[in-house]
Amino acid sequence: MGRTSKLLTQEVVDLAESNLEKLGRSGAVAIKLRAITSAHKHGITAVAKAFDTTKATLISWIKHVKNESLDLLTVQEGRGRESVLSGDHKDAIKQWMIDDSQITIDKIKQRIISEFGVDVGRSTVHRTMKALDFSYITPRPKHYKQHPDALPEAKKKSSRAN
């Protein structure tokens, strides 16, 4: 084990352990708190390797606990991939759906590719539709042998109609 860290004092470890008891053993913040308590016993370098992170990251976690700002240990917003569709694209897609209520996901996808030059998948189009408060609803198909006059007559004779 290397030299002892001036930053990782017994007070910081006690804070981490007390917060760990409050949070429980699972969750992203709990994992980071366990890394801090382990770093006190095994060293920052060894724990950083074990938790597959860098020493700088582990040191920043220690600083957050020392400053009692555990909210900074949570995953912050703005992470993840950015959408390939901009706000202008989404506005245009919304207008397409308003103009043609029967438009399909595949037609929207083809139109996005032809007009914006952006290749997106069906899932992306569906997520965009949901984000714009539209739903993709398909009607139940009717059997080709179904007689059109038989349905009202069947409803009249149904036991649930009474």
N, C-alpha and C. Protein backbone atom coordinates (compact mmCIF):
# COMPACT_ATOMS: atom_id res chain seq x y z
N MET A 1 0.84 -1.18 0.00
CA MET A 1 0.00 0.00 0.00
C MET A 1 0.88 1.23 0.00
N GLY A 2 0.46 2.26 -0.75
CA GLY A 2 1.22 3.49 -0.85
C GLY A 2 1.05 4.35 0.39
N ARG A 3 1.46 5.59 0.25
CA ARG A 3 1.35 6.50 1.38
C ARG A 3 -0.11 6.80 1.70
N THR A 4 -0.37 7.20 2.92
CA THR A 4 -1.75 7.50 3.32
C THR A 4 -2.15 8.87 2.79
N SER A 5 -3.39 8.97 2.41
CA SER A 5 -3.91 10.20 1.82
C SER A 5 -4.30 11.18 2.92
N LYS A 6 -3.94 12.45 2.71
CA LYS A 6 -4.34 13.50 3.66
C LYS A 6 -5.83 13.81 3.49
N LEU A 7 -6.35 13.52 2.34
CA LEU A 7 -7.74 13.80 2.05
C LEU A 7 -8.67 12.76 2.67
N LEU A 8 -8.23 11.52 2.71
CA LEU A 8 -9.06 10.41 3.18
C LEU A 8 -8.80 10.18 4.67
N THR A 9 -9.45 10.97 5.49
CA THR A 9 -9.28 10.88 6.94
C THR A 9 -10.35 9.96 7.53
N GLN A 10 -10.18 9.64 8.80
CA GLN A 10 -11.15 8.80 9.49
C GLN A 10 -12.52 9.47 9.53
N GLU A 11 -12.53 10.79 9.61
CA GLU A 11 -13.79 11.55 9.64
C GLU A 11 -14.57 11.35 8.33
N VAL A 12 -13.87 11.38 7.20
CA VAL A 12 -14.51 11.18 5.90
C VAL A 12 -15.05 9.76 5.79
N VAL A 13 -14.27 8.79 6.26
CA VAL A 13 -14.71 7.39 6.22
C VAL A 13 -15.94 7.20 7.09
N ASP A 14 -15.96 7.82 8.26
CA ASP A 14 -17.13 7.72 9.14
C ASP A 14 -18.37 8.33 8.49
N LEU A 15 -18.18 9.47 7.81
CA LEU A 15 -19.30 10.09 7.09
C LEU A 15 -19.81 9.16 5.99
N ALA A 16 -18.89 8.55 5.27
CA ALA A 16 -19.28 7.63 4.20
C ALA A 16 -20.03 6.43 4.76
N GLU A 17 -19.54 5.88 5.86
CA GLU A 17 -20.19 4.71 6.46
C GLU A 17 -21.57 5.05 7.01
N SER A 18 -21.71 6.22 7.64
CA SER A 18 -23.02 6.60 8.18
C SER A 18 -24.03 6.84 7.05
N ASN A 19 -23.58 7.45 5.96
CA ASN A 19 -24.48 7.66 4.81
C ASN A 19 -24.80 6.34 4.12
N LEU A 20 -23.85 5.42 4.15
CA LEU A 20 -24.08 4.11 3.55
C LEU A 20 -25.14 3.34 4.34
N GLU A 21 -25.14 3.49 5.66
CA GLU A 21 -26.17 2.84 6.48
C GLU A 21 -27.56 3.41 6.18
N LYS A 22 -27.62 4.72 5.91
CA LYS A 22 -28.90 5.35 5.59
C LYS A 22 -29.43 4.90 4.23
N LEU A 23 -28.51 4.79 3.26
CA LEU A 23 -28.91 4.48 1.89
C LEU A 23 -29.16 3.00 1.63
N GLY A 24 -28.45 2.16 2.34
CA GLY A 24 -28.52 0.73 2.05
C GLY A 24 -27.33 0.34 1.19
N ARG A 25 -27.29 -0.92 0.82
CA ARG A 25 -26.13 -1.45 0.11
C ARG A 25 -26.21 -1.35 -1.41
N SER A 26 -27.37 -1.03 -1.95
CA SER A 26 -27.48 -1.02 -3.41
C SER A 26 -27.65 0.41 -3.92
N GLY A 27 -27.35 0.60 -5.18
CA GLY A 27 -27.47 1.90 -5.80
C GLY A 27 -26.12 2.47 -6.15
N ALA A 28 -26.11 3.43 -7.07
CA ALA A 28 -24.87 4.01 -7.55
C ALA A 28 -24.13 4.77 -6.46
N VAL A 29 -24.86 5.51 -5.63
CA VAL A 29 -24.23 6.29 -4.57
C VAL A 29 -23.64 5.35 -3.52
N ALA A 30 -24.35 4.28 -3.21
CA ALA A 30 -23.85 3.31 -2.22
C ALA A 30 -22.57 2.65 -2.70
N ILE A 31 -22.48 2.36 -3.97
CA ILE A 31 -21.27 1.75 -4.53
C ILE A 31 -20.10 2.72 -4.38
N LYS A 32 -20.33 3.98 -4.62
CA LYS A 32 -19.27 4.98 -4.49
C LYS A 32 -18.84 5.14 -3.04
N LEU A 33 -19.81 5.09 -2.12
CA LEU A 33 -19.47 5.19 -0.71
C LEU A 33 -18.67 3.96 -0.25
N ARG A 34 -19.01 2.79 -0.76
CA ARG A 34 -18.24 1.59 -0.42
C ARG A 34 -16.83 1.68 -0.97
N ALA A 35 -16.67 2.30 -2.13
CA ALA A 35 -15.33 2.48 -2.69
C ALA A 35 -14.49 3.38 -1.79
N ILE A 36 -15.12 4.39 -1.22
CA ILE A 36 -14.39 5.31 -0.33
C ILE A 36 -13.96 4.59 0.94
N THR A 37 -14.86 3.80 1.52
CA THR A 37 -14.48 3.07 2.74
C THR A 37 -13.41 2.03 2.44
N SER A 38 -13.47 1.42 1.27
CA SER A 38 -12.44 0.45 0.89
C SER A 38 -11.11 1.12 0.63
N ALA A 39 -11.14 2.34 0.10
CA ALA A 39 -9.90 3.07 -0.18
C ALA A 39 -9.14 3.38 1.10
N HIS A 40 -9.86 3.54 2.19
CA HIS A 40 -9.19 3.80 3.47
C HIS A 40 -8.39 2.58 3.91
N LYS A 41 -8.88 1.38 3.63
CA LYS A 41 -8.20 0.16 4.03
C LYS A 41 -7.14 -0.28 3.03
N HIS A 42 -7.45 -0.18 1.73
CA HIS A 42 -6.61 -0.78 0.71
C HIS A 42 -5.84 0.20 -0.16
N GLY A 43 -6.12 1.47 -0.03
CA GLY A 43 -5.43 2.47 -0.85
C GLY A 43 -6.26 2.90 -2.05
N ILE A 44 -6.06 4.14 -2.46
CA ILE A 44 -6.86 4.72 -3.53
C ILE A 44 -6.57 4.04 -4.86
N THR A 45 -5.30 3.78 -5.15
CA THR A 45 -4.94 3.17 -6.43
C THR A 45 -5.54 1.79 -6.60
N ALA A 46 -5.44 0.96 -5.57
CA ALA A 46 -5.96 -0.41 -5.66
C ALA A 46 -7.48 -0.41 -5.81
N VAL A 47 -8.16 0.45 -5.07
CA VAL A 47 -9.62 0.51 -5.15
C VAL A 47 -10.07 1.07 -6.49
N ALA A 48 -9.32 2.05 -7.02
CA ALA A 48 -9.66 2.60 -8.33
C ALA A 48 -9.58 1.51 -9.40
N LYS A 49 -8.57 0.66 -9.30
CA LYS A 49 -8.46 -0.45 -10.26
C LYS A 49 -9.60 -1.45 -10.06
N ALA A 50 -9.92 -1.76 -8.80
CA ALA A 50 -10.96 -2.74 -8.51
C ALA A 50 -12.34 -2.25 -8.97
N PHE A 51 -12.60 -0.97 -8.83
CA PHE A 51 -13.89 -0.40 -9.23
C PHE A 51 -13.88 0.08 -10.67
N ASP A 52 -12.78 -0.18 -11.37
CA ASP A 52 -12.63 0.16 -12.79
C ASP A 52 -12.89 1.64 -13.05
N THR A 53 -12.22 2.46 -12.28
CA THR A 53 -12.32 3.91 -12.44
C THR A 53 -10.93 4.50 -12.28
N THR A 54 -10.81 5.79 -12.37
CA THR A 54 -9.51 6.43 -12.22
C THR A 54 -9.32 6.94 -10.80
N LYS A 55 -8.07 7.20 -10.47
CA LYS A 55 -7.77 7.75 -9.14
C LYS A 55 -8.41 9.13 -8.99
N ALA A 56 -8.40 9.91 -10.05
CA ALA A 56 -8.98 11.26 -9.99
C ALA A 56 -10.47 11.21 -9.69
N THR A 57 -11.16 10.23 -10.27
CA THR A 57 -12.59 10.08 -10.02
C THR A 57 -12.84 9.72 -8.57
N LEU A 58 -12.08 8.77 -8.07
CA LEU A 58 -12.23 8.35 -6.67
C LEU A 58 -11.91 9.51 -5.72
N ILE A 59 -10.91 10.28 -6.04
CA ILE A 59 -10.57 11.45 -5.20
C ILE A 59 -11.70 12.47 -5.23
N SER A 60 -12.33 12.66 -6.39
CA SER A 60 -13.45 13.61 -6.44
C SER A 60 -14.62 13.11 -5.60
N TRP A 61 -14.85 11.77 -5.57
CA TRP A 61 -15.90 11.22 -4.71
C TRP A 61 -15.59 11.51 -3.25
N ILE A 62 -14.33 11.33 -2.87
CA ILE A 62 -13.91 11.58 -1.49
C ILE A 62 -14.15 13.05 -1.13
N LYS A 63 -13.82 13.95 -2.05
CA LYS A 63 -14.03 15.39 -1.80
C LYS A 63 -15.52 15.70 -1.63
N HIS A 64 -16.37 15.05 -2.41
CA HIS A 64 -17.82 15.28 -2.28
C HIS A 64 -18.32 14.83 -0.91
N VAL A 65 -17.83 13.71 -0.44
CA VAL A 65 -18.24 13.22 0.89
C VAL A 65 -17.70 14.15 1.97
N LYS A 66 -16.47 14.59 1.80
CA LYS A 66 -15.86 15.48 2.79
C LYS A 66 -16.65 16.79 2.89
N ASN A 67 -17.12 17.29 1.76
CA ASN A 67 -17.90 18.53 1.74
C ASN A 67 -19.39 18.30 2.02
N GLU A 68 -19.74 17.03 2.31
CA GLU A 68 -21.11 16.62 2.60
C GLU A 68 -22.08 17.00 1.49
N SER A 69 -21.65 16.81 0.24
CA SER A 69 -22.51 17.07 -0.91
C SER A 69 -22.72 15.76 -1.66
N LEU A 70 -23.52 14.87 -1.05
CA LEU A 70 -23.76 13.55 -1.62
C LEU A 70 -24.58 13.61 -2.90
N ASP A 71 -25.32 14.70 -3.11
CA ASP A 71 -26.10 14.81 -4.33
C ASP A 71 -25.21 14.85 -5.57
N LEU A 72 -23.94 15.23 -5.40
CA LEU A 72 -23.01 15.24 -6.52
C LEU A 72 -22.51 13.84 -6.87
N LEU A 73 -22.77 12.86 -6.00
CA LEU A 73 -22.37 11.48 -6.29
C LEU A 73 -23.37 10.78 -7.20
N THR A 74 -24.57 11.33 -7.32
CA THR A 74 -25.57 10.71 -8.19
C THR A 74 -25.22 11.01 -9.65
N VAL A 75 -25.78 10.24 -10.54
CA VAL A 75 -25.55 10.46 -11.97
C VAL A 75 -26.28 11.74 -12.35
N GLN A 76 -25.55 12.67 -12.90
CA GLN A 76 -26.11 13.97 -13.22
C GLN A 76 -26.84 13.93 -14.56
N GLU A 77 -27.77 14.86 -14.75
CA GLU A 77 -28.48 14.96 -16.02
C GLU A 77 -27.51 15.40 -17.10
N GLY A 78 -27.89 15.13 -18.32
CA GLY A 78 -27.04 15.52 -19.44
C GLY A 78 -26.13 14.39 -19.87
N ARG A 79 -26.24 13.26 -19.21
CA ARG A 79 -25.43 12.12 -19.59
C ARG A 79 -26.12 11.39 -20.72
N GLY A 80 -25.42 10.49 -21.34
CA GLY A 80 -25.99 9.69 -22.40
C GLY A 80 -25.80 10.33 -23.76
N ARG A 81 -26.34 9.65 -24.74
CA ARG A 81 -26.18 10.13 -26.11
C ARG A 81 -27.15 11.25 -26.40
N GLU A 82 -26.72 12.14 -27.26
CA GLU A 82 -27.58 13.23 -27.68
C GLU A 82 -28.44 12.75 -28.84
N SER A 83 -29.63 13.24 -28.95
CA SER A 83 -30.54 12.84 -30.01
C SER A 83 -30.03 13.33 -31.35
N VAL A 84 -30.21 12.50 -32.38
CA VAL A 84 -29.80 12.91 -33.73
C VAL A 84 -30.83 13.85 -34.35
N LEU A 85 -32.02 13.92 -33.75
CA LEU A 85 -33.07 14.81 -34.24
C LEU A 85 -33.07 16.08 -33.41
N SER A 86 -32.95 17.21 -34.08
CA SER A 86 -32.95 18.50 -33.37
C SER A 86 -34.39 18.93 -33.08
N GLY A 87 -34.50 20.05 -32.40
CA GLY A 87 -35.83 20.58 -32.08
C GLY A 87 -36.61 20.96 -33.33
N ASP A 88 -35.91 21.48 -34.35
CA ASP A 88 -36.58 21.82 -35.61
C ASP A 88 -37.10 20.58 -36.31
N HIS A 89 -36.30 19.50 -36.26
CA HIS A 89 -36.74 18.24 -36.85
C HIS A 89 -38.01 17.75 -36.16
N LYS A 90 -38.01 17.81 -34.84
CA LYS A 90 -39.17 17.33 -34.08
C LYS A 90 -40.41 18.17 -34.35
N ASP A 91 -40.22 19.48 -34.52
CA ASP A 91 -41.36 20.34 -34.85
C ASP A 91 -41.94 19.96 -36.21
N ALA A 92 -41.07 19.68 -37.17
CA ALA A 92 -41.54 19.28 -38.51
C ALA A 92 -42.27 17.94 -38.45
N ILE A 93 -41.73 17.00 -37.68
CA ILE A 93 -42.36 15.69 -37.54
C ILE A 93 -43.74 15.83 -36.91
N LYS A 94 -43.84 16.70 -35.91
CA LYS A 94 -45.13 16.94 -35.25
C LYS A 94 -46.14 17.49 -36.25
N GLN A 95 -45.68 18.41 -37.10
CA GLN A 95 -46.58 18.98 -38.10
C GLN A 95 -47.01 17.92 -39.11
N TRP A 96 -46.11 17.01 -39.49
CA TRP A 96 -46.47 15.92 -40.40
C TRP A 96 -47.58 15.07 -39.80
N MET A 97 -47.46 14.78 -38.50
CA MET A 97 -48.45 13.93 -37.85
C MET A 97 -49.79 14.66 -37.67
N ILE A 98 -49.73 15.97 -37.50
CA ILE A 98 -50.98 16.74 -37.41
C ILE A 98 -51.67 16.78 -38.77
N ASP A 99 -50.88 16.98 -39.83
CA ASP A 99 -51.44 17.06 -41.17
C ASP A 99 -52.00 15.72 -41.66
N ASP A 100 -51.33 14.63 -41.32
CA ASP A 100 -51.76 13.30 -41.77
C ASP A 100 -51.81 12.38 -40.57
N SER A 101 -53.00 12.16 -40.03
CA SER A 101 -53.13 11.34 -38.82
C SER A 101 -52.92 9.86 -39.11
N GLN A 102 -52.93 9.46 -40.38
CA GLN A 102 -52.76 8.06 -40.74
C GLN A 102 -51.32 7.72 -41.13
N ILE A 103 -50.40 8.63 -40.93
CA ILE A 103 -49.00 8.41 -41.33
C ILE A 103 -48.39 7.30 -40.48
N THR A 104 -47.59 6.46 -41.10
CA THR A 104 -47.00 5.33 -40.40
C THR A 104 -45.57 5.66 -39.97
N ILE A 105 -45.05 4.83 -39.09
CA ILE A 105 -43.68 5.01 -38.62
C ILE A 105 -42.70 4.91 -39.79
N ASP A 106 -42.94 3.95 -40.69
CA ASP A 106 -42.04 3.78 -41.83
C ASP A 106 -42.07 5.00 -42.76
N LYS A 107 -43.25 5.57 -42.96
CA LYS A 107 -43.33 6.76 -43.82
C LYS A 107 -42.63 7.95 -43.17
N ILE A 108 -42.78 8.09 -41.85
CA ILE A 108 -42.07 9.17 -41.15
C ILE A 108 -40.57 8.96 -41.26
N LYS A 109 -40.13 7.72 -41.08
CA LYS A 109 -38.71 7.39 -41.19
C LYS A 109 -38.17 7.75 -42.57
N GLN A 110 -38.90 7.36 -43.63
CA GLN A 110 -38.46 7.67 -44.99
C GLN A 110 -38.42 9.18 -45.23
N ARG A 111 -39.39 9.87 -44.67
CA ARG A 111 -39.44 11.32 -44.87
C ARG A 111 -38.29 12.03 -44.12
N ILE A 112 -37.94 11.51 -42.94
CA ILE A 112 -36.81 12.07 -42.19
C ILE A 112 -35.52 11.89 -42.98
N ILE A 113 -35.35 10.72 -43.57
CA ILE A 113 -34.15 10.45 -44.35
C ILE A 113 -34.10 11.35 -45.59
N SER A 114 -35.23 11.48 -46.29
CA SER A 114 -35.22 12.26 -47.53
C SER A 114 -35.13 13.77 -47.29
N GLU A 115 -35.79 14.28 -46.25
CA GLU A 115 -35.82 15.72 -46.04
C GLU A 115 -34.66 16.25 -45.18
N PHE A 116 -34.25 15.45 -44.18
CA PHE A 116 -33.21 15.93 -43.27
C PHE A 116 -31.87 15.26 -43.50
N GLY A 117 -31.86 14.14 -44.21
CA GLY A 117 -30.62 13.42 -44.44
C GLY A 117 -30.10 12.72 -43.19
N VAL A 118 -31.00 12.41 -42.26
CA VAL A 118 -30.62 11.75 -41.01
C VAL A 118 -31.21 10.34 -41.03
N ASP A 119 -30.34 9.34 -40.88
CA ASP A 119 -30.80 7.96 -40.89
C ASP A 119 -31.15 7.55 -39.46
N VAL A 120 -32.42 7.28 -39.22
CA VAL A 120 -32.89 6.88 -37.89
C VAL A 120 -33.61 5.55 -38.00
N GLY A 121 -33.74 4.86 -36.88
CA GLY A 121 -34.45 3.60 -36.85
C GLY A 121 -35.91 3.80 -36.48
N ARG A 122 -36.66 2.71 -36.60
CA ARG A 122 -38.08 2.75 -36.24
C ARG A 122 -38.27 3.09 -34.76
N SER A 123 -37.39 2.56 -33.92
CA SER A 123 -37.50 2.82 -32.48
C SER A 123 -37.33 4.30 -32.17
N THR A 124 -36.41 4.94 -32.86
CA THR A 124 -36.18 6.37 -32.66
C THR A 124 -37.42 7.16 -33.06
N VAL A 125 -38.02 6.78 -34.17
CA VAL A 125 -39.23 7.47 -34.62
C VAL A 125 -40.35 7.26 -33.61
N HIS A 126 -40.49 6.04 -33.11
CA HIS A 126 -41.54 5.76 -32.13
C HIS A 126 -41.32 6.54 -30.84
N ARG A 127 -40.08 6.58 -30.34
CA ARG A 127 -39.78 7.36 -29.14
C ARG A 127 -40.07 8.84 -29.35
N THR A 128 -39.75 9.34 -30.54
CA THR A 128 -40.02 10.75 -30.85
C THR A 128 -41.51 11.01 -30.86
N MET A 129 -42.28 10.08 -31.43
CA MET A 129 -43.74 10.23 -31.44
C MET A 129 -44.29 10.28 -30.02
N LYS A 130 -43.79 9.40 -29.16
CA LYS A 130 -44.25 9.39 -27.77
C LYS A 130 -43.86 10.67 -27.05
N ALA A 131 -42.65 11.17 -27.33
CA ALA A 131 -42.20 12.41 -26.70
C ALA A 131 -43.04 13.59 -27.13
N LEU A 132 -43.58 13.53 -28.33
CA LEU A 132 -44.43 14.60 -28.84
C LEU A 132 -45.90 14.40 -28.48
N ASP A 133 -46.18 13.45 -27.59
CA ASP A 133 -47.53 13.14 -27.11
C ASP A 133 -48.44 12.61 -28.21
N PHE A 134 -47.87 11.83 -29.12
CA PHE A 134 -48.66 11.13 -30.11
C PHE A 134 -48.50 9.64 -29.84
N SER A 135 -49.48 8.87 -30.25
CA SER A 135 -49.38 7.43 -30.08
C SER A 135 -49.58 6.75 -31.42
N TYR A 136 -49.00 5.59 -31.53
CA TYR A 136 -49.12 4.81 -32.75
C TYR A 136 -50.17 3.75 -32.51
N ILE A 137 -51.38 4.02 -32.95
CA ILE A 137 -52.49 3.11 -32.72
C ILE A 137 -52.93 2.54 -34.06
N THR A 138 -53.06 1.23 -34.11
CA THR A 138 -53.55 0.60 -35.32
C THR A 138 -54.92 0.00 -35.03
N PRO A 139 -55.86 0.08 -35.98
CA PRO A 139 -57.18 -0.49 -35.74
C PRO A 139 -57.13 -2.01 -35.78
N ARG A 140 -58.06 -2.62 -35.09
CA ARG A 140 -58.15 -4.08 -35.14
C ARG A 140 -58.63 -4.47 -36.54
N PRO A 141 -57.98 -5.44 -37.13
CA PRO A 141 -58.41 -5.84 -38.48
C PRO A 141 -59.72 -6.62 -38.43
N LYS A 142 -60.46 -6.53 -39.51
CA LYS A 142 -61.71 -7.28 -39.61
C LYS A 142 -61.45 -8.48 -40.51
N HIS A 143 -62.03 -9.58 -40.15
CA HIS A 143 -61.85 -10.79 -40.94
C HIS A 143 -62.55 -10.61 -42.28
N TYR A 144 -61.90 -11.08 -43.35
CA TYR A 144 -62.44 -10.86 -44.68
C TYR A 144 -63.77 -11.59 -44.92
N LYS A 145 -64.08 -12.61 -44.12
CA LYS A 145 -65.33 -13.34 -44.26
C LYS A 145 -66.44 -12.79 -43.35
N GLN A 146 -66.10 -11.79 -42.57
CA GLN A 146 -67.09 -11.25 -41.63
C GLN A 146 -68.20 -10.54 -42.40
N HIS A 147 -69.43 -10.87 -42.07
CA HIS A 147 -70.58 -10.26 -42.72
C HIS A 147 -70.86 -8.93 -42.03
N PRO A 148 -71.00 -7.83 -42.80
CA PRO A 148 -71.17 -6.51 -42.16
C PRO A 148 -72.47 -6.36 -41.38
N ASP A 149 -73.52 -7.07 -41.73
CA ASP A 149 -74.81 -6.94 -41.04
C ASP A 149 -74.91 -7.86 -39.83
N ALA A 150 -74.00 -8.82 -39.69
CA ALA A 150 -74.09 -9.80 -38.61
C ALA A 150 -73.71 -9.21 -37.26
N LEU A 151 -72.83 -8.24 -37.23
CA LEU A 151 -72.36 -7.68 -35.96
C LEU A 151 -73.46 -6.97 -35.18
N PRO A 152 -74.25 -6.07 -35.78
CA PRO A 152 -75.33 -5.43 -35.00
C PRO A 152 -76.36 -6.43 -34.50
N GLU A 153 -76.65 -7.43 -35.29
CA GLU A 153 -77.61 -8.46 -34.89
C GLU A 153 -77.07 -9.27 -33.72
N ALA A 154 -75.77 -9.57 -33.73
CA ALA A 154 -75.15 -10.34 -32.65
C ALA A 154 -75.13 -9.52 -31.36
N LYS A 155 -74.94 -8.22 -31.47
CA LYS A 155 -74.93 -7.36 -30.29
C LYS A 155 -76.32 -7.32 -29.64
N LYS A 156 -77.35 -7.31 -30.46
CA LYS A 156 -78.72 -7.28 -29.92
C LYS A 156 -79.04 -8.55 -29.15
N LYS A 157 -78.57 -9.68 -29.64
CA LYS A 157 -78.89 -10.97 -29.01
C LYS A 157 -77.92 -11.34 -27.89
N SER A 158 -76.90 -10.52 -27.68
CA SER A 158 -75.90 -10.83 -26.66
C SER A 158 -76.48 -10.74 -25.25
N SER A 159 -76.02 -11.61 -24.37
CA SER A 159 -76.51 -11.61 -22.98
C SER A 159 -76.00 -10.39 -22.22
N ARG A 160 -74.87 -9.84 -22.63
CA ARG A 160 -74.32 -8.66 -21.94
C ARG A 160 -75.11 -7.39 -22.27
N ALA A 161 -75.85 -7.40 -23.33
CA ALA A 161 -76.62 -6.21 -23.72
C ALA A 161 -77.79 -5.98 -22.78
N ASN A 162 -78.24 -7.01 -22.08
CA ASN A 162 -79.39 -6.88 -21.19
C ASN A 162 -79.04 -6.31 -19.87
